[in-house]
Amino acid sequence: MLRRCVPLLTFAMLSGCTLTQSTNHEKTMNAINTMEERVNYQFATMIQQIDEQNEYIANLEKELSSISEELSHPPMLVTAATAKSAEDGEKAVTVIEPAIDTKVAHGKVILGEEEWVWLDSIQSFFKARIDTGATTSSLNAVDIQIFERDGKEWARFNLNHTFDGNEEKAEIVEAPVVRWVKVRQSTSEQSERRPVIEAWVKLGLLHEKAQFTLADRSQMTYPILLGREFFKDIALVDVGKKFVQGMNEQEVQTINN
């Protein structure tokens, strides 16, 4: 009886080991297949990202090539010149020269680090600093008084400035307050509420309504500071230049008269 049981027991043990090994092998293969699928998915994603980056780079290269072509072929300006001929004496000759506009590039106005700004409400020029690091614009204001007119807040202040080397003169300005902002100086831990007004500004070809935070800038070089909110999307700033736009002749005549 014992002799018969021993082979049966041995066969059962071997069968159990075979089943266990088969199950483990199946789990291992499933894990390998899952890992392979993940690797293939990640590889396909990387290829797609590389293709998108290559397409983006190709578009940038096309745009750069287009700009380079525009710069290498500037618009031509037709002018009249006088040339001498042995037979005809003097005669008019059409000369074609490149027309270079240093005030506009790619449809945007070029601004230097400093520019002359004309305020419509005051009818006068101010020297302004174009600050790419500032978000909002600022206007010199001394002795600010807040009062009510027609149910709205207004600000009355003195605007001191120097024009074309003349002595400093004071301008009394009144404008409605469009909002208030909190400003904290680097030398103080407490914030200060300052009124914001709107004013029409001319700067070269630009004629825009801008918002200005009123602040005492009498100790600063520039009575006006123009921040990014004024020139974004409409102008390019070249900090290596100054007074690119110059002064509008009509406004200068108004001052002289």
Protein backbone atom coordinates (compact mmCIF):
# COMPACT_ATOMS: atom_id res chain seq x y z
CA MET A 1 0.00 0.00 0.00
CA LEU A 2 2.78 2.41 0.93
CA ARG A 3 4.59 1.61 -2.32
CA ARG A 4 1.52 2.62 -4.28
CA CYS A 5 1.05 5.90 -2.40
CA VAL A 6 4.61 7.12 -2.87
CA PRO A 7 4.43 7.43 -6.69
CA LEU A 8 1.05 9.12 -6.51
CA LEU A 9 2.30 11.61 -3.96
CA THR A 10 5.38 12.33 -6.02
CA PHE A 11 3.28 12.91 -9.15
CA ALA A 12 0.99 15.29 -7.26
CA MET A 13 3.91 17.30 -5.98
CA LEU A 14 5.45 17.54 -9.42
CA SER A 15 2.12 18.59 -10.90
CA GLY A 16 1.75 21.29 -8.25
CA CYS A 17 5.20 22.62 -8.98
CA THR A 18 4.45 22.66 -12.69
CA LEU A 19 1.21 24.59 -12.15
CA THR A 20 2.97 27.07 -9.85
CA GLN A 21 5.75 27.62 -12.36
CA SER A 22 3.21 28.03 -15.16
CA THR A 23 1.28 30.65 -13.17
CA ASN A 24 4.43 32.57 -12.30
CA HIS A 25 5.56 32.45 -15.92
CA GLU A 26 2.18 33.81 -17.06
CA LYS A 27 2.37 36.66 -14.55
CA THR A 28 5.90 37.47 -15.66
CA MET A 29 4.85 37.55 -19.32
CA ASN A 30 1.88 39.78 -18.51
CA ALA A 31 4.12 42.18 -16.63
CA ILE A 32 6.58 42.24 -19.53
CA ASN A 33 3.77 42.89 -22.03
CA THR A 34 2.38 45.71 -19.87
CA MET A 35 5.81 47.30 -19.55
CA GLU A 36 6.34 46.96 -23.31
CA GLU A 37 3.02 48.69 -23.99
CA ARG A 38 3.97 51.55 -21.66
CA VAL A 39 7.36 51.97 -23.31
CA ASN A 40 5.77 51.96 -26.78
CA TYR A 41 3.22 54.57 -25.68
CA GLN A 42 5.89 56.81 -24.18
CA PHE A 43 8.01 56.40 -27.29
CA ALA A 44 5.07 57.33 -29.56
CA THR A 45 4.33 60.38 -27.38
CA MET A 46 7.95 61.51 -27.59
CA ILE A 47 7.92 61.16 -31.38
CA GLN A 48 4.73 63.25 -31.57
CA GLN A 49 6.25 65.95 -29.35
CA ILE A 50 9.41 66.02 -31.48
CA ASP A 51 7.33 66.38 -34.64
CA GLU A 52 5.37 69.27 -33.11
CA GLN A 53 8.60 70.98 -32.02
CA ASN A 54 10.10 70.54 -35.50
CA GLU A 55 6.97 72.07 -37.04
CA TYR A 56 7.15 75.01 -34.60
CA ILE A 57 10.85 75.56 -35.40
CA ALA A 58 10.09 75.40 -39.14
CA ASN A 59 7.41 78.08 -38.76
CA LEU A 60 9.83 80.29 -36.81
CA GLU A 61 12.45 79.85 -39.52
CA LYS A 62 9.91 80.86 -42.18
CA GLU A 63 8.94 83.96 -40.19
CA LEU A 64 12.60 84.88 -39.64
CA SER A 65 13.30 84.40 -43.34
CA SER A 66 10.36 86.64 -44.23
CA ILE A 67 11.58 89.39 -41.88
CA SER A 68 15.13 89.11 -43.24
CA GLU A 69 13.80 89.43 -46.77
CA GLU A 70 11.83 92.54 -45.83
CA LEU A 71 14.89 94.09 -44.25
CA SER A 72 17.06 93.28 -47.27
CA HIS A 73 14.51 94.81 -49.67
CA PRO A 74 13.34 98.10 -48.10
CA PRO A 75 10.64 100.14 -49.87
CA MET A 76 11.99 102.43 -52.56
CA LEU A 77 11.67 106.21 -52.54
CA VAL A 78 11.51 107.98 -55.89
CA THR A 79 13.24 111.36 -55.91
CA ALA A 80 14.12 113.84 -58.59
CA ALA A 81 17.74 114.73 -59.21
CA THR A 82 19.56 116.85 -61.77
CA ALA A 83 22.15 115.34 -64.10
CA LYS A 84 24.25 116.94 -66.80
CA SER A 85 24.39 115.66 -70.36
CA ALA A 86 26.86 116.67 -73.06
CA GLU A 87 24.04 117.08 -75.57
CA ASP A 88 21.03 118.22 -73.54
CA GLY A 89 22.78 120.26 -70.89
CA GLU A 90 20.84 119.76 -67.63
CA LYS A 91 17.82 117.50 -67.36
CA ALA A 92 15.77 115.88 -64.57
CA VAL A 93 16.64 112.30 -63.78
CA THR A 94 14.58 109.97 -61.63
CA VAL A 95 16.70 108.41 -58.91
CA ILE A 96 15.42 105.49 -56.86
CA GLU A 97 16.68 105.35 -53.28
CA PRO A 98 15.71 103.14 -50.33
CA ALA A 99 13.04 104.71 -48.13
CA ILE A 100 14.09 104.01 -44.56
CA ASP A 101 11.64 104.92 -41.82
CA THR A 102 13.43 104.89 -38.48
CA LYS A 103 10.22 105.67 -36.57
CA VAL A 104 8.18 102.60 -37.55
CA ALA A 105 9.07 98.91 -37.87
CA HIS A 106 6.74 96.02 -38.74
CA GLY A 107 3.69 98.21 -38.24
CA LYS A 108 4.74 99.34 -34.76
CA VAL A 109 6.07 102.70 -33.60
CA ILE A 110 9.67 102.73 -32.38
CA LEU A 111 10.25 104.45 -29.04
CA GLY A 112 13.53 105.41 -27.43
CA GLU A 113 14.36 105.37 -23.73
CA GLU A 114 13.33 109.06 -23.59
CA GLU A 115 10.60 110.73 -25.65
CA TRP A 116 8.72 114.01 -25.84
CA VAL A 117 5.06 113.53 -24.84
CA TRP A 118 2.24 115.98 -25.61
CA LEU A 119 -0.72 116.20 -23.21
CA ASP A 120 -3.87 117.49 -24.91
CA SER A 121 -5.44 118.79 -21.71
CA ILE A 122 -2.45 121.00 -20.92
CA GLN A 123 -1.32 121.79 -24.46
CA SER A 124 2.33 121.27 -23.64
CA PHE A 125 5.23 118.85 -24.08
CA PHE A 126 6.78 116.82 -21.28
CA LYS A 127 9.94 114.79 -21.21
CA ALA A 128 8.96 111.18 -20.51
CA ARG A 129 10.87 108.06 -19.66
CA ILE A 130 9.80 104.87 -21.45
CA ASP A 131 10.09 102.20 -18.76
CA THR A 132 9.74 98.59 -19.95
CA GLY A 133 10.01 97.40 -16.35
CA ALA A 134 6.96 99.35 -15.14
CA THR A 135 3.41 98.15 -15.73
CA THR A 136 1.49 101.40 -15.23
CA SER A 137 2.27 104.98 -16.21
CA SER A 138 2.89 107.79 -13.72
CA LEU A 139 2.38 111.57 -13.84
CA ASN A 140 3.96 114.19 -11.62
CA ALA A 141 1.37 115.68 -9.23
CA VAL A 142 1.93 118.04 -6.30
CA ASP A 143 -0.65 119.29 -3.77
CA ILE A 144 -3.27 116.72 -4.78
CA GLN A 145 -6.82 117.61 -3.71
CA ILE A 146 -9.75 115.22 -4.09
CA PHE A 147 -13.19 116.76 -4.52
CA GLU A 148 -16.63 115.80 -5.82
CA ARG A 149 -18.16 117.01 -9.06
CA ASP A 150 -21.44 115.71 -10.52
CA GLY A 151 -21.39 112.83 -8.06
CA LYS A 152 -17.91 111.68 -9.09
CA GLU A 153 -14.47 111.97 -7.54
CA TRP A 154 -12.11 114.45 -9.18
CA ALA A 155 -8.47 115.28 -8.54
CA ARG A 156 -6.94 118.75 -8.64
CA PHE A 157 -3.14 118.99 -8.61
CA ASN A 158 -0.14 121.06 -9.67
CA LEU A 159 1.97 119.75 -12.51
CA ASN A 160 5.43 121.32 -12.51
CA HIS A 161 7.61 120.79 -15.54
CA THR A 162 10.38 122.27 -17.62
CA PHE A 163 10.04 122.67 -21.37
CA ASP A 164 12.94 123.25 -23.74
CA GLY A 165 15.19 124.67 -21.02
CA ASN A 166 12.66 127.24 -19.81
CA GLU A 167 12.05 127.89 -16.15
CA GLU A 168 9.81 125.54 -14.26
CA LYS A 169 6.18 126.50 -14.44
CA ALA A 170 3.13 125.20 -12.61
CA GLU A 171 -0.02 123.91 -14.28
CA ILE A 172 -3.26 123.41 -12.34
CA VAL A 173 -4.89 120.27 -13.66
CA GLU A 174 -8.33 118.83 -12.91
CA ALA A 175 -9.39 115.36 -13.99
CA PRO A 176 -11.88 112.69 -12.88
CA VAL A 177 -10.52 109.81 -10.81
CA VAL A 178 -11.05 106.50 -12.66
CA ARG A 179 -9.75 104.25 -9.87
CA TRP A 180 -7.43 104.01 -6.89
CA VAL A 181 -4.29 101.90 -6.50
CA LYS A 182 -2.21 100.87 -3.51
CA VAL A 183 1.52 101.52 -3.85
CA ARG A 184 4.19 100.49 -1.36
CA GLN A 185 7.59 102.16 -1.57
CA SER A 186 10.72 100.10 -1.11
CA THR A 187 11.69 102.32 1.84
CA SER A 188 8.39 101.85 3.66
CA GLU A 189 6.36 98.86 4.81
CA GLN A 190 3.03 100.71 4.61
CA SER A 191 1.11 101.03 1.34
CA GLU A 192 -0.26 104.33 0.03
CA ARG A 193 -3.49 104.90 -1.91
CA ARG A 194 -3.01 106.94 -5.05
CA PRO A 195 -5.61 108.21 -7.55
CA VAL A 196 -5.48 107.24 -11.21
CA ILE A 197 -6.66 109.61 -13.96
CA GLU A 198 -6.96 109.41 -17.74
CA ALA A 199 -5.39 111.81 -20.25
CA TRP A 200 -5.02 111.98 -24.03
CA VAL A 201 -1.38 111.63 -25.05
CA LYS A 202 0.40 112.27 -28.35
CA LEU A 203 3.73 110.58 -28.94
CA GLY A 204 4.86 110.79 -32.55
CA LEU A 205 2.29 108.89 -34.60
CA LEU A 206 0.49 107.68 -31.47
CA HIS A 207 -2.55 109.47 -30.07
CA GLU A 208 -3.90 107.38 -27.22
CA LYS A 209 -5.86 107.79 -23.99
CA ALA A 210 -3.65 106.59 -21.15
CA GLN A 211 -4.14 106.05 -17.43
CA PHE A 212 -1.68 107.74 -15.06
CA THR A 213 -1.06 107.17 -11.37
CA LEU A 214 -0.60 110.56 -9.67
CA ALA A 215 2.65 110.77 -7.72
CA ASP A 216 5.09 113.44 -6.61
CA ARG A 217 7.89 113.18 -9.19
CA SER A 218 9.22 116.70 -8.66
CA GLN A 219 12.56 115.31 -7.46
CA MET A 220 12.86 113.02 -10.48
CA THR A 221 14.26 113.76 -13.91
CA TYR A 222 11.10 112.89 -15.80
CA PRO A 223 7.65 114.28 -14.91
CA ILE A 224 6.07 111.42 -16.89
CA LEU A 225 6.83 107.72 -16.85
CA LEU A 226 5.19 105.54 -19.50
CA GLY A 227 4.72 101.88 -18.56
CA ARG A 228 3.94 98.78 -20.59
CA GLU A 229 0.17 99.31 -20.45
CA PHE A 230 0.60 102.33 -22.73
CA PHE A 231 2.85 100.94 -25.47
CA LYS A 232 2.15 97.18 -25.45
CA ASP A 233 1.11 95.79 -28.86
CA ILE A 234 1.53 99.20 -30.55
CA ALA A 235 5.20 100.10 -30.07
CA LEU A 236 8.71 98.69 -29.87
CA VAL A 237 11.24 100.12 -27.40
CA ASP A 238 14.90 100.60 -28.30
CA VAL A 239 16.59 101.58 -25.04
CA GLY A 240 19.74 102.50 -26.94
CA LYS A 241 18.01 105.50 -28.57
CA LYS A 242 16.44 108.74 -27.35
CA PHE A 243 13.74 111.02 -28.77
CA VAL A 244 13.11 108.83 -31.81
CA GLN A 245 9.67 110.33 -32.44
CA GLY A 246 10.70 113.93 -31.82
CA MET A 247 8.10 116.70 -31.50
CA ASN A 248 5.05 117.31 -33.63
CA GLU A 249 5.57 120.57 -35.50
CA GLN A 250 1.94 121.63 -35.04
CA GLU A 251 2.21 121.36 -31.26
CA VAL A 252 5.51 123.25 -31.24
CA GLN A 253 3.91 126.09 -33.20
CA THR A 254 1.05 126.17 -30.68
CA ILE A 255 3.53 126.67 -27.84
CA ASN A 256 5.53 129.33 -29.68
CA ASN A 257 2.38 131.29 -30.52
